[in-house]
Amino acid sequence: MWRLSGCRNRTFRKNMRTLKFYISIFALTLSFAIGAAAQTVLTSLDGANVNVEDQKGKIVVLAVGASWLPLSGKQAEITNTLAKKYAGRQVVFYFVATDSTNPKSKNYASNEAIRQFAASNKLTVTILRDGDGALLTKNLNVEQVPSFVLLDKLGKPATEPFGGIDPKFDLSVPISKAIDKLL
């Protein structure tokens, strides 16, 4: 009887190890699937949700800035220039405001304040909100503001983000070259 019981225990332990192995594989596969399905959905100032990674065959250019940041005025100028250059082509431009949506934050800006920023800088593209830049940092590796991010026609980052703006350097040139390569 003892041997039979010991044999059953070994078989049971082996079956449990196999089951744990398959559960681990399933969990790992599920976590990769969830990560792959993570999308960057931002909200426009009028409340519409926009998935910037799902633009169906279009190149997406994200100008990531903030209304309180002085260089974002220059960024708006660059964005308008590029949007005009690529009008009518398969290129979509968005200005993504990373101003905080928390009224207690020192970098808080209401939608109205962002609209005023857009009007004073004659910004001609759709404005999206990513309060504190959390989604862009997590999903698109944006490490500084202002930055430009290019997504290819499959919604994947096409280049490293173009970070920082030097008023003495025309950033629209390397961005244009990158867009042209993607078209």
N, C-alpha and C. Protein backbone atom coordinates (compact mmCIF):
# COMPACT_ATOMS: atom_id res chain seq x y z
N MET A 1 0.82 -1.18 0.00
CA MET A 1 0.00 0.00 0.00
C MET A 1 0.86 1.25 0.00
N TRP A 2 1.92 1.23 0.76
CA TRP A 2 2.81 2.39 0.85
C TRP A 2 3.40 2.73 -0.51
N ARG A 3 3.85 1.73 -1.25
CA ARG A 3 4.45 1.97 -2.56
C ARG A 3 3.43 2.56 -3.52
N LEU A 4 2.24 2.03 -3.50
CA LEU A 4 1.20 2.53 -4.38
C LEU A 4 0.91 3.99 -4.07
N SER A 5 0.84 4.33 -2.82
CA SER A 5 0.59 5.70 -2.41
C SER A 5 1.73 6.61 -2.83
N GLY A 6 2.99 6.14 -2.64
CA GLY A 6 4.15 6.94 -3.04
C GLY A 6 4.16 7.16 -4.54
N CYS A 7 3.78 6.16 -5.29
CA CYS A 7 3.73 6.26 -6.75
C CYS A 7 2.68 7.29 -7.16
N ARG A 8 1.54 7.25 -6.49
CA ARG A 8 0.48 8.20 -6.79
C ARG A 8 0.93 9.62 -6.45
N ASN A 9 1.64 9.79 -5.33
CA ASN A 9 2.12 11.11 -4.95
C ASN A 9 3.10 11.66 -5.98
N ARG A 10 4.00 10.79 -6.48
CA ARG A 10 4.95 11.24 -7.51
C ARG A 10 4.20 11.62 -8.78
N THR A 11 3.25 10.84 -9.17
CA THR A 11 2.46 11.14 -10.36
C THR A 11 1.68 12.43 -10.17
N PHE A 12 1.11 12.58 -8.99
CA PHE A 12 0.36 13.79 -8.67
C PHE A 12 1.27 15.02 -8.74
N ARG A 13 2.47 14.92 -8.12
CA ARG A 13 3.41 16.05 -8.14
C ARG A 13 3.85 16.37 -9.57
N LYS A 14 4.08 15.34 -10.37
CA LYS A 14 4.49 15.55 -11.75
C LYS A 14 3.36 16.24 -12.52
N ASN A 15 2.12 15.79 -12.32
CA ASN A 15 0.98 16.41 -12.98
C ASN A 15 0.80 17.86 -12.53
N MET A 16 1.03 18.12 -11.26
CA MET A 16 0.91 19.49 -10.75
C MET A 16 1.98 20.39 -11.36
N ARG A 17 3.22 19.89 -11.49
CA ARG A 17 4.28 20.68 -12.12
C ARG A 17 3.92 20.98 -13.57
N THR A 18 3.39 20.00 -14.27
CA THR A 18 2.99 20.20 -15.66
C THR A 18 1.87 21.24 -15.74
N LEU A 19 0.89 21.13 -14.85
CA LEU A 19 -0.20 22.09 -14.82
C LEU A 19 0.31 23.49 -14.53
N LYS A 20 1.21 23.64 -13.55
CA LYS A 20 1.79 24.95 -13.22
C LYS A 20 2.54 25.52 -14.42
N PHE A 21 3.26 24.64 -15.13
CA PHE A 21 4.00 25.07 -16.31
C PHE A 21 3.04 25.66 -17.35
N TYR A 22 1.95 24.94 -17.64
CA TYR A 22 1.00 25.42 -18.64
C TYR A 22 0.28 26.68 -18.18
N ILE A 23 -0.03 26.78 -16.92
CA ILE A 23 -0.65 28.00 -16.39
C ILE A 23 0.31 29.18 -16.54
N SER A 24 1.59 28.95 -16.26
CA SER A 24 2.59 30.01 -16.41
C SER A 24 2.70 30.46 -17.86
N ILE A 25 2.72 29.52 -18.78
CA ILE A 25 2.80 29.86 -20.21
C ILE A 25 1.57 30.66 -20.62
N PHE A 26 0.40 30.23 -20.17
CA PHE A 26 -0.83 30.95 -20.48
C PHE A 26 -0.79 32.36 -19.93
N ALA A 27 -0.36 32.54 -18.70
CA ALA A 27 -0.30 33.86 -18.08
C ALA A 27 0.68 34.77 -18.82
N LEU A 28 1.82 34.22 -19.19
CA LEU A 28 2.82 34.99 -19.93
C LEU A 28 2.27 35.41 -21.29
N THR A 29 1.63 34.50 -21.99
CA THR A 29 1.04 34.81 -23.30
C THR A 29 -0.03 35.88 -23.15
N LEU A 30 -0.85 35.77 -22.13
CA LEU A 30 -1.91 36.74 -21.89
C LEU A 30 -1.32 38.12 -21.60
N SER A 31 -0.26 38.18 -20.80
CA SER A 31 0.34 39.48 -20.48
C SER A 31 0.94 40.13 -21.73
N PHE A 32 1.56 39.33 -22.63
CA PHE A 32 2.07 39.88 -23.88
C PHE A 32 0.93 40.39 -24.76
N ALA A 33 -0.16 39.64 -24.80
CA ALA A 33 -1.30 40.04 -25.62
C ALA A 33 -1.90 41.34 -25.11
N ILE A 34 -2.01 41.48 -23.80
CA ILE A 34 -2.55 42.70 -23.23
C ILE A 34 -1.61 43.86 -23.51
N GLY A 35 -0.32 43.64 -23.38
CA GLY A 35 0.66 44.69 -23.66
C GLY A 35 0.62 45.11 -25.11
N ALA A 36 0.47 44.15 -26.01
CA ALA A 36 0.40 44.47 -27.44
C ALA A 36 -0.88 45.22 -27.77
N ALA A 37 -1.93 44.93 -27.02
CA ALA A 37 -3.20 45.59 -27.28
C ALA A 37 -3.28 46.97 -26.63
N ALA A 38 -2.30 47.31 -25.78
CA ALA A 38 -2.31 48.62 -25.14
C ALA A 38 -2.23 49.68 -26.22
N GLN A 39 -3.17 50.57 -26.22
CA GLN A 39 -3.23 51.58 -27.26
C GLN A 39 -3.18 52.95 -26.63
N THR A 40 -2.76 53.89 -27.44
CA THR A 40 -2.68 55.26 -26.96
C THR A 40 -3.92 56.00 -27.41
N VAL A 41 -4.90 56.05 -26.54
CA VAL A 41 -6.15 56.75 -26.80
C VAL A 41 -6.13 58.04 -25.99
N LEU A 42 -6.22 59.15 -26.70
CA LEU A 42 -6.21 60.47 -26.08
C LEU A 42 -7.55 61.14 -26.35
N THR A 43 -7.83 62.19 -25.60
CA THR A 43 -9.10 62.89 -25.72
C THR A 43 -8.88 64.27 -26.32
N SER A 44 -9.70 64.61 -27.31
CA SER A 44 -9.63 65.94 -27.91
C SER A 44 -10.29 66.94 -26.96
N LEU A 45 -10.10 68.21 -27.24
CA LEU A 45 -10.70 69.23 -26.38
C LEU A 45 -12.21 69.22 -26.41
N ASP A 46 -12.79 68.66 -27.47
CA ASP A 46 -14.26 68.56 -27.52
C ASP A 46 -14.78 67.24 -26.95
N GLY A 47 -13.88 66.43 -26.38
CA GLY A 47 -14.29 65.21 -25.68
C GLY A 47 -14.24 63.93 -26.49
N ALA A 48 -13.87 63.98 -27.75
CA ALA A 48 -13.80 62.78 -28.58
C ALA A 48 -12.53 61.99 -28.26
N ASN A 49 -12.64 60.66 -28.23
CA ASN A 49 -11.47 59.81 -28.03
C ASN A 49 -10.80 59.55 -29.37
N VAL A 50 -9.47 59.66 -29.39
CA VAL A 50 -8.70 59.46 -30.61
C VAL A 50 -7.60 58.45 -30.30
N ASN A 51 -7.61 57.34 -31.03
CA ASN A 51 -6.55 56.35 -30.90
C ASN A 51 -5.47 56.72 -31.92
N VAL A 52 -4.38 57.30 -31.45
CA VAL A 52 -3.35 57.80 -32.36
C VAL A 52 -2.57 56.69 -33.03
N GLU A 53 -2.66 55.47 -32.50
CA GLU A 53 -1.95 54.34 -33.09
C GLU A 53 -2.81 53.56 -34.09
N ASP A 54 -4.03 54.00 -34.32
CA ASP A 54 -4.94 53.28 -35.20
C ASP A 54 -5.55 54.26 -36.21
N GLN A 55 -4.71 54.77 -37.11
CA GLN A 55 -5.17 55.75 -38.09
C GLN A 55 -5.29 55.18 -39.50
N LYS A 56 -5.33 53.86 -39.63
CA LYS A 56 -5.63 53.15 -40.88
C LYS A 56 -4.83 53.65 -42.08
N GLY A 57 -3.56 53.31 -42.09
CA GLY A 57 -2.72 53.59 -43.26
C GLY A 57 -2.18 55.00 -43.35
N LYS A 58 -2.32 55.77 -42.30
CA LYS A 58 -1.82 57.15 -42.31
C LYS A 58 -0.59 57.27 -41.42
N ILE A 59 0.27 58.18 -41.78
CA ILE A 59 1.39 58.54 -40.92
C ILE A 59 0.85 59.56 -39.92
N VAL A 60 1.19 59.39 -38.66
CA VAL A 60 0.71 60.29 -37.62
C VAL A 60 1.91 61.04 -37.04
N VAL A 61 1.77 62.35 -36.96
CA VAL A 61 2.80 63.19 -36.36
C VAL A 61 2.18 63.81 -35.11
N LEU A 62 2.81 63.54 -33.97
CA LEU A 62 2.36 64.08 -32.70
C LEU A 62 3.34 65.15 -32.25
N ALA A 63 2.85 66.36 -32.11
CA ALA A 63 3.66 67.44 -31.53
C ALA A 63 3.31 67.45 -30.05
N VAL A 64 4.21 67.00 -29.22
CA VAL A 64 3.95 66.84 -27.79
C VAL A 64 4.49 68.07 -27.07
N GLY A 65 3.61 68.85 -26.50
CA GLY A 65 4.01 70.09 -25.85
C GLY A 65 3.15 70.41 -24.66
N ALA A 66 3.25 71.66 -24.21
CA ALA A 66 2.45 72.14 -23.07
C ALA A 66 2.23 73.63 -23.23
N SER A 67 1.06 74.09 -22.86
CA SER A 67 0.72 75.51 -23.05
C SER A 67 1.59 76.43 -22.20
N TRP A 68 2.11 75.94 -21.10
CA TRP A 68 2.92 76.77 -20.20
C TRP A 68 4.38 76.83 -20.64
N LEU A 69 4.77 76.02 -21.62
CA LEU A 69 6.16 75.92 -22.05
C LEU A 69 6.43 76.92 -23.17
N PRO A 70 7.34 77.88 -22.96
CA PRO A 70 7.59 78.90 -23.99
C PRO A 70 7.95 78.32 -25.36
N LEU A 71 8.71 77.23 -25.41
CA LEU A 71 9.11 76.66 -26.69
C LEU A 71 7.96 76.02 -27.45
N SER A 72 6.84 75.80 -26.80
CA SER A 72 5.71 75.20 -27.50
C SER A 72 5.12 76.16 -28.53
N GLY A 73 5.36 77.45 -28.39
CA GLY A 73 4.95 78.41 -29.43
C GLY A 73 5.70 78.13 -30.72
N LYS A 74 7.00 77.92 -30.63
CA LYS A 74 7.82 77.56 -31.79
C LYS A 74 7.38 76.20 -32.34
N GLN A 75 7.03 75.30 -31.43
CA GLN A 75 6.57 73.97 -31.83
C GLN A 75 5.26 74.08 -32.62
N ALA A 76 4.37 74.97 -32.21
CA ALA A 76 3.11 75.18 -32.93
C ALA A 76 3.40 75.68 -34.34
N GLU A 77 4.38 76.58 -34.47
CA GLU A 77 4.77 77.10 -35.78
C GLU A 77 5.29 75.98 -36.69
N ILE A 78 6.15 75.13 -36.15
CA ILE A 78 6.68 73.99 -36.91
C ILE A 78 5.55 73.05 -37.32
N THR A 79 4.65 72.78 -36.38
CA THR A 79 3.52 71.88 -36.66
C THR A 79 2.65 72.43 -37.77
N ASN A 80 2.33 73.72 -37.72
CA ASN A 80 1.51 74.34 -38.77
C ASN A 80 2.20 74.27 -40.13
N THR A 81 3.50 74.54 -40.15
CA THR A 81 4.27 74.48 -41.40
C THR A 81 4.22 73.08 -42.00
N LEU A 82 4.46 72.07 -41.16
CA LEU A 82 4.44 70.68 -41.65
C LEU A 82 3.03 70.26 -42.08
N ALA A 83 2.02 70.65 -41.31
CA ALA A 83 0.65 70.28 -41.65
C ALA A 83 0.25 70.88 -43.00
N LYS A 84 0.67 72.10 -43.25
CA LYS A 84 0.38 72.75 -44.53
C LYS A 84 1.11 72.04 -45.67
N LYS A 85 2.39 71.69 -45.43
CA LYS A 85 3.19 71.02 -46.45
C LYS A 85 2.59 69.67 -46.85
N TYR A 86 2.05 68.93 -45.88
CA TYR A 86 1.55 67.58 -46.15
C TYR A 86 0.03 67.50 -46.25
N ALA A 87 -0.63 68.65 -46.38
CA ALA A 87 -2.09 68.67 -46.52
C ALA A 87 -2.50 67.87 -47.75
N GLY A 88 -3.55 67.08 -47.61
CA GLY A 88 -4.06 66.28 -48.72
C GLY A 88 -3.31 64.97 -48.92
N ARG A 89 -2.33 64.71 -48.08
CA ARG A 89 -1.58 63.45 -48.19
C ARG A 89 -1.96 62.58 -47.00
N GLN A 90 -1.45 61.40 -46.95
CA GLN A 90 -1.79 60.44 -45.89
C GLN A 90 -1.00 60.70 -44.61
N VAL A 91 -1.03 61.96 -44.14
CA VAL A 91 -0.32 62.36 -42.93
C VAL A 91 -1.30 63.13 -42.05
N VAL A 92 -1.39 62.74 -40.78
CA VAL A 92 -2.28 63.37 -39.83
C VAL A 92 -1.42 64.01 -38.73
N PHE A 93 -1.76 65.23 -38.36
CA PHE A 93 -1.03 65.95 -37.32
C PHE A 93 -1.93 66.22 -36.12
N TYR A 94 -1.34 66.05 -34.94
CA TYR A 94 -2.02 66.39 -33.69
C TYR A 94 -1.04 67.16 -32.80
N PHE A 95 -1.57 68.10 -32.05
CA PHE A 95 -0.80 68.70 -30.98
C PHE A 95 -1.30 68.04 -29.70
N VAL A 96 -0.40 67.45 -28.94
CA VAL A 96 -0.78 66.76 -27.71
C VAL A 96 -0.32 67.60 -26.53
N ALA A 97 -1.29 68.14 -25.81
CA ALA A 97 -1.01 68.97 -24.64
C ALA A 97 -0.80 68.08 -23.42
N THR A 98 0.36 68.20 -22.81
CA THR A 98 0.66 67.40 -21.62
C THR A 98 0.40 68.18 -20.34
N ASP A 99 -0.27 69.31 -20.47
CA ASP A 99 -0.64 70.09 -19.29
C ASP A 99 -1.46 69.21 -18.36
N SER A 100 -1.24 69.36 -17.08
CA SER A 100 -1.95 68.55 -16.10
C SER A 100 -3.45 68.82 -16.15
N THR A 101 -4.22 67.78 -15.92
CA THR A 101 -5.67 67.92 -15.81
C THR A 101 -6.11 68.03 -14.36
N ASN A 102 -5.12 68.01 -13.45
CA ASN A 102 -5.40 68.13 -12.02
C ASN A 102 -5.29 69.59 -11.61
N PRO A 103 -6.41 70.20 -11.19
CA PRO A 103 -6.39 71.63 -10.82
C PRO A 103 -5.40 71.97 -9.69
N LYS A 104 -4.97 70.99 -8.93
CA LYS A 104 -4.02 71.25 -7.84
C LYS A 104 -2.57 71.26 -8.31
N SER A 105 -2.34 70.85 -9.54
CA SER A 105 -0.97 70.80 -10.08
C SER A 105 -0.52 72.19 -10.52
N LYS A 106 0.77 72.46 -10.37
CA LYS A 106 1.28 73.76 -10.81
C LYS A 106 1.29 73.86 -12.34
N ASN A 107 1.24 72.72 -13.04
CA ASN A 107 1.21 72.70 -14.50
C ASN A 107 -0.18 72.47 -15.06
N TYR A 108 -1.19 72.78 -14.25
CA TYR A 108 -2.58 72.59 -14.66
C TYR A 108 -2.96 73.60 -15.74
N ALA A 109 -3.75 73.14 -16.69
CA ALA A 109 -4.36 74.04 -17.67
C ALA A 109 -5.73 73.48 -18.02
N SER A 110 -6.70 74.35 -18.01
CA SER A 110 -8.05 73.95 -18.41
C SER A 110 -8.09 73.82 -19.93
N ASN A 111 -9.15 73.21 -20.42
CA ASN A 111 -9.32 73.12 -21.87
C ASN A 111 -9.39 74.52 -22.48
N GLU A 112 -10.02 75.44 -21.78
CA GLU A 112 -10.12 76.80 -22.28
C GLU A 112 -8.74 77.46 -22.37
N ALA A 113 -7.88 77.23 -21.39
CA ALA A 113 -6.52 77.78 -21.43
C ALA A 113 -5.74 77.19 -22.62
N ILE A 114 -5.95 75.93 -22.91
CA ILE A 114 -5.27 75.30 -24.05
C ILE A 114 -5.84 75.85 -25.36
N ARG A 115 -7.14 76.10 -25.40
CA ARG A 115 -7.73 76.72 -26.59
C ARG A 115 -7.13 78.12 -26.81
N GLN A 116 -6.94 78.86 -25.74
CA GLN A 116 -6.34 80.19 -25.84
C GLN A 116 -4.90 80.09 -26.35
N PHE A 117 -4.14 79.11 -25.85
CA PHE A 117 -2.78 78.87 -26.34
C PHE A 117 -2.82 78.59 -27.84
N ALA A 118 -3.75 77.73 -28.27
CA ALA A 118 -3.86 77.38 -29.68
C ALA A 118 -4.21 78.60 -30.52
N ALA A 119 -5.13 79.41 -30.04
CA ALA A 119 -5.53 80.61 -30.78
C ALA A 119 -4.38 81.61 -30.88
N SER A 120 -3.68 81.83 -29.79
CA SER A 120 -2.60 82.82 -29.82
C SER A 120 -1.42 82.35 -30.67
N ASN A 121 -1.27 81.05 -30.85
CA ASN A 121 -0.20 80.51 -31.69
C ASN A 121 -0.70 80.06 -33.06
N LYS A 122 -1.96 80.36 -33.36
CA LYS A 122 -2.57 80.03 -34.64
C LYS A 122 -2.41 78.55 -35.00
N LEU A 123 -2.53 77.72 -33.99
CA LEU A 123 -2.40 76.27 -34.17
C LEU A 123 -3.58 75.76 -34.99
N THR A 124 -3.30 75.06 -36.09
CA THR A 124 -4.33 74.66 -37.04
C THR A 124 -4.69 73.17 -36.98
N VAL A 125 -4.07 72.41 -36.09
CA VAL A 125 -4.31 70.97 -36.02
C VAL A 125 -5.17 70.63 -34.80
N THR A 126 -5.70 69.43 -34.80
CA THR A 126 -6.50 68.96 -33.67
C THR A 126 -5.62 68.87 -32.43
N ILE A 127 -6.17 69.30 -31.31
CA ILE A 127 -5.44 69.26 -30.04
C ILE A 127 -6.00 68.13 -29.20
N LEU A 128 -5.09 67.30 -28.69
CA LEU A 128 -5.45 66.20 -27.81
C LEU A 128 -4.84 66.45 -26.44
N ARG A 129 -5.40 65.81 -25.42
CA ARG A 129 -4.88 65.95 -24.06
C ARG A 129 -4.29 64.63 -23.57
N ASP A 130 -3.13 64.75 -22.95
CA ASP A 130 -2.51 63.64 -22.22
C ASP A 130 -1.99 64.26 -20.94
N GLY A 131 -2.90 64.42 -19.98
CA GLY A 131 -2.55 65.07 -18.72
C GLY A 131 -1.31 64.48 -18.11
N ASP A 132 -0.29 65.28 -17.94
CA ASP A 132 1.02 64.92 -17.38
C ASP A 132 1.82 63.99 -18.29
N GLY A 133 1.37 63.74 -19.50
CA GLY A 133 2.14 62.95 -20.47
C GLY A 133 2.27 61.47 -20.15
N ALA A 134 1.41 60.94 -19.31
CA ALA A 134 1.55 59.56 -18.85
C ALA A 134 1.44 58.53 -19.97
N LEU A 135 0.45 58.67 -20.86
CA LEU A 135 0.28 57.69 -21.93
C LEU A 135 1.43 57.74 -22.93
N LEU A 136 1.85 58.95 -23.28
CA LEU A 136 2.92 59.08 -24.26
C LEU A 136 4.24 58.56 -23.71
N THR A 137 4.49 58.84 -22.44
CA THR A 137 5.72 58.35 -21.82
C THR A 137 5.72 56.83 -21.80
N LYS A 138 4.62 56.25 -21.42
CA LYS A 138 4.52 54.79 -21.29
C LYS A 138 4.51 54.10 -22.65
N ASN A 139 3.68 54.56 -23.58
CA ASN A 139 3.47 53.84 -24.83
C ASN A 139 4.43 54.25 -25.95
N LEU A 140 4.91 55.49 -25.95
CA LEU A 140 5.70 55.97 -27.08
C LEU A 140 7.09 56.49 -26.69
N ASN A 141 7.48 56.28 -25.46
CA ASN A 141 8.83 56.63 -24.99
C ASN A 141 9.18 58.11 -25.13
N VAL A 142 8.21 58.98 -24.96
CA VAL A 142 8.50 60.42 -24.98
C VAL A 142 9.12 60.78 -23.64
N GLU A 143 10.34 61.28 -23.69
CA GLU A 143 11.07 61.58 -22.45
C GLU A 143 11.18 63.07 -22.16
N GLN A 144 10.88 63.92 -23.13
CA GLN A 144 10.95 65.36 -22.89
C GLN A 144 9.91 66.09 -23.69
N VAL A 145 9.58 67.26 -23.21
CA VAL A 145 8.62 68.12 -23.87
C VAL A 145 9.35 69.43 -24.12
N PRO A 146 9.28 69.98 -25.30
CA PRO A 146 8.53 69.54 -26.46
C PRO A 146 9.24 68.44 -27.23
N SER A 147 8.45 67.64 -27.91
CA SER A 147 8.95 66.55 -28.76
C SER A 147 7.99 66.37 -29.93
N PHE A 148 8.49 65.70 -30.94
CA PHE A 148 7.66 65.26 -32.06
C PHE A 148 7.82 63.75 -32.16
N VAL A 149 6.70 63.06 -32.35
CA VAL A 149 6.70 61.60 -32.50
C VAL A 149 6.06 61.28 -33.84
N LEU A 150 6.71 60.41 -34.60
CA LEU A 150 6.17 59.96 -35.88
C LEU A 150 5.77 58.50 -35.76
N LEU A 151 4.53 58.22 -36.15
CA LEU A 151 4.03 56.85 -36.19
C LEU A 151 3.86 56.45 -37.65
N ASP A 152 4.31 55.24 -37.98
CA ASP A 152 4.19 54.77 -39.35
C ASP A 152 2.75 54.38 -39.68
N LYS A 153 2.53 53.87 -40.86
CA LYS A 153 1.18 53.54 -41.31
C LYS A 153 0.56 52.37 -40.55
N LEU A 154 1.37 51.68 -39.76
CA LEU A 154 0.86 50.59 -38.92
C LEU A 154 0.63 51.06 -37.48
N GLY A 155 0.91 52.33 -37.21
CA GLY A 155 0.70 52.88 -35.87
C GLY A 155 1.86 52.66 -34.92
N LYS A 156 3.00 52.27 -35.44
CA LYS A 156 4.19 52.02 -34.60
C LYS A 156 5.15 53.20 -34.71
N PRO A 157 5.91 53.47 -33.65
CA PRO A 157 6.89 54.55 -33.74
C PRO A 157 7.85 54.31 -34.91
N ALA A 158 7.99 55.32 -35.77
CA ALA A 158 8.82 55.18 -36.96
C ALA A 158 10.26 55.61 -36.71
N THR A 159 10.47 56.46 -35.74
CA THR A 159 11.79 56.98 -35.41
C THR A 159 11.83 57.19 -33.90
N GLU A 160 12.98 57.53 -33.41
CA GLU A 160 13.06 58.01 -32.03
C GLU A 160 12.34 59.35 -32.00
N PRO A 161 11.75 59.72 -30.87
CA PRO A 161 11.12 61.05 -30.81
C PRO A 161 12.14 62.15 -31.10
N PHE A 162 11.68 63.16 -31.83
CA PHE A 162 12.49 64.35 -32.06
C PHE A 162 12.28 65.23 -30.84
N GLY A 163 13.24 65.24 -29.93
CA GLY A 163 13.07 65.94 -28.66
C GLY A 163 13.78 67.27 -28.62
N GLY A 164 13.15 68.19 -27.92
CA GLY A 164 13.74 69.50 -27.73
C GLY A 164 13.61 70.36 -28.97
N ILE A 165 13.61 71.64 -28.76
CA ILE A 165 13.54 72.58 -29.88
C ILE A 165 14.61 73.64 -29.66
N ASP A 166 15.47 73.78 -30.65
CA ASP A 166 16.50 74.82 -30.64
C ASP A 166 16.01 75.90 -31.58
N PRO A 167 15.74 77.10 -31.09
CA PRO A 167 15.24 78.17 -31.96
C PRO A 167 16.16 78.47 -33.14
N LYS A 168 17.42 78.09 -33.06
CA LYS A 168 18.38 78.36 -34.13
C LYS A 168 18.43 77.24 -35.17
N PHE A 169 17.71 76.15 -34.93
CA PHE A 169 17.74 74.98 -35.81
C PHE A 169 16.33 74.70 -36.32
N ASP A 170 16.19 74.51 -37.63
CA ASP A 170 14.89 74.24 -38.23
C ASP A 170 14.59 72.74 -38.11
N LEU A 171 13.83 72.38 -37.09
CA LEU A 171 13.51 70.98 -36.82
C LEU A 171 12.56 70.39 -37.87
N SER A 172 11.91 71.26 -38.64
CA SER A 172 10.99 70.75 -39.65
C SER A 172 11.72 69.98 -40.76
N VAL A 173 13.00 70.28 -40.97
CA VAL A 173 13.77 69.60 -42.02
C VAL A 173 13.94 68.11 -41.72
N PRO A 174 14.50 67.72 -40.56
CA PRO A 174 14.63 66.27 -40.31
C PRO A 174 13.28 65.56 -40.17
N ILE A 175 12.28 66.26 -39.66
CA ILE A 175 10.96 65.65 -39.54
C ILE A 175 10.39 65.41 -40.94
N SER A 176 10.55 66.38 -41.84
CA SER A 176 10.07 66.23 -43.23
C SER A 176 10.76 65.06 -43.91
N LYS A 177 12.06 64.93 -43.71
CA LYS A 177 12.79 63.83 -44.32
C LYS A 177 12.27 62.49 -43.81
N ALA A 178 12.00 62.42 -42.51
CA ALA A 178 11.46 61.18 -41.94
C ALA A 178 10.07 60.87 -42.50
N ILE A 179 9.23 61.89 -42.62
CA ILE A 179 7.89 61.69 -43.19
C ILE A 179 8.00 61.21 -44.64
N ASP A 180 8.87 61.87 -45.41
CA ASP A 180 9.03 61.51 -46.82
C ASP A 180 9.46 60.05 -46.98
N LYS A 181 10.30 59.56 -46.09
CA LYS A 181 10.73 58.16 -46.15
C LYS A 181 9.56 57.21 -45.89
N LEU A 182 8.64 57.65 -45.06
CA LEU A 182 7.50 56.80 -44.70
C LEU A 182 6.41 56.81 -45.77
N LEU A 183 6.35 57.88 -46.55
CA LEU A 183 5.33 57.97 -47.61
C LEU A 183 5.74 57.05 -48.71
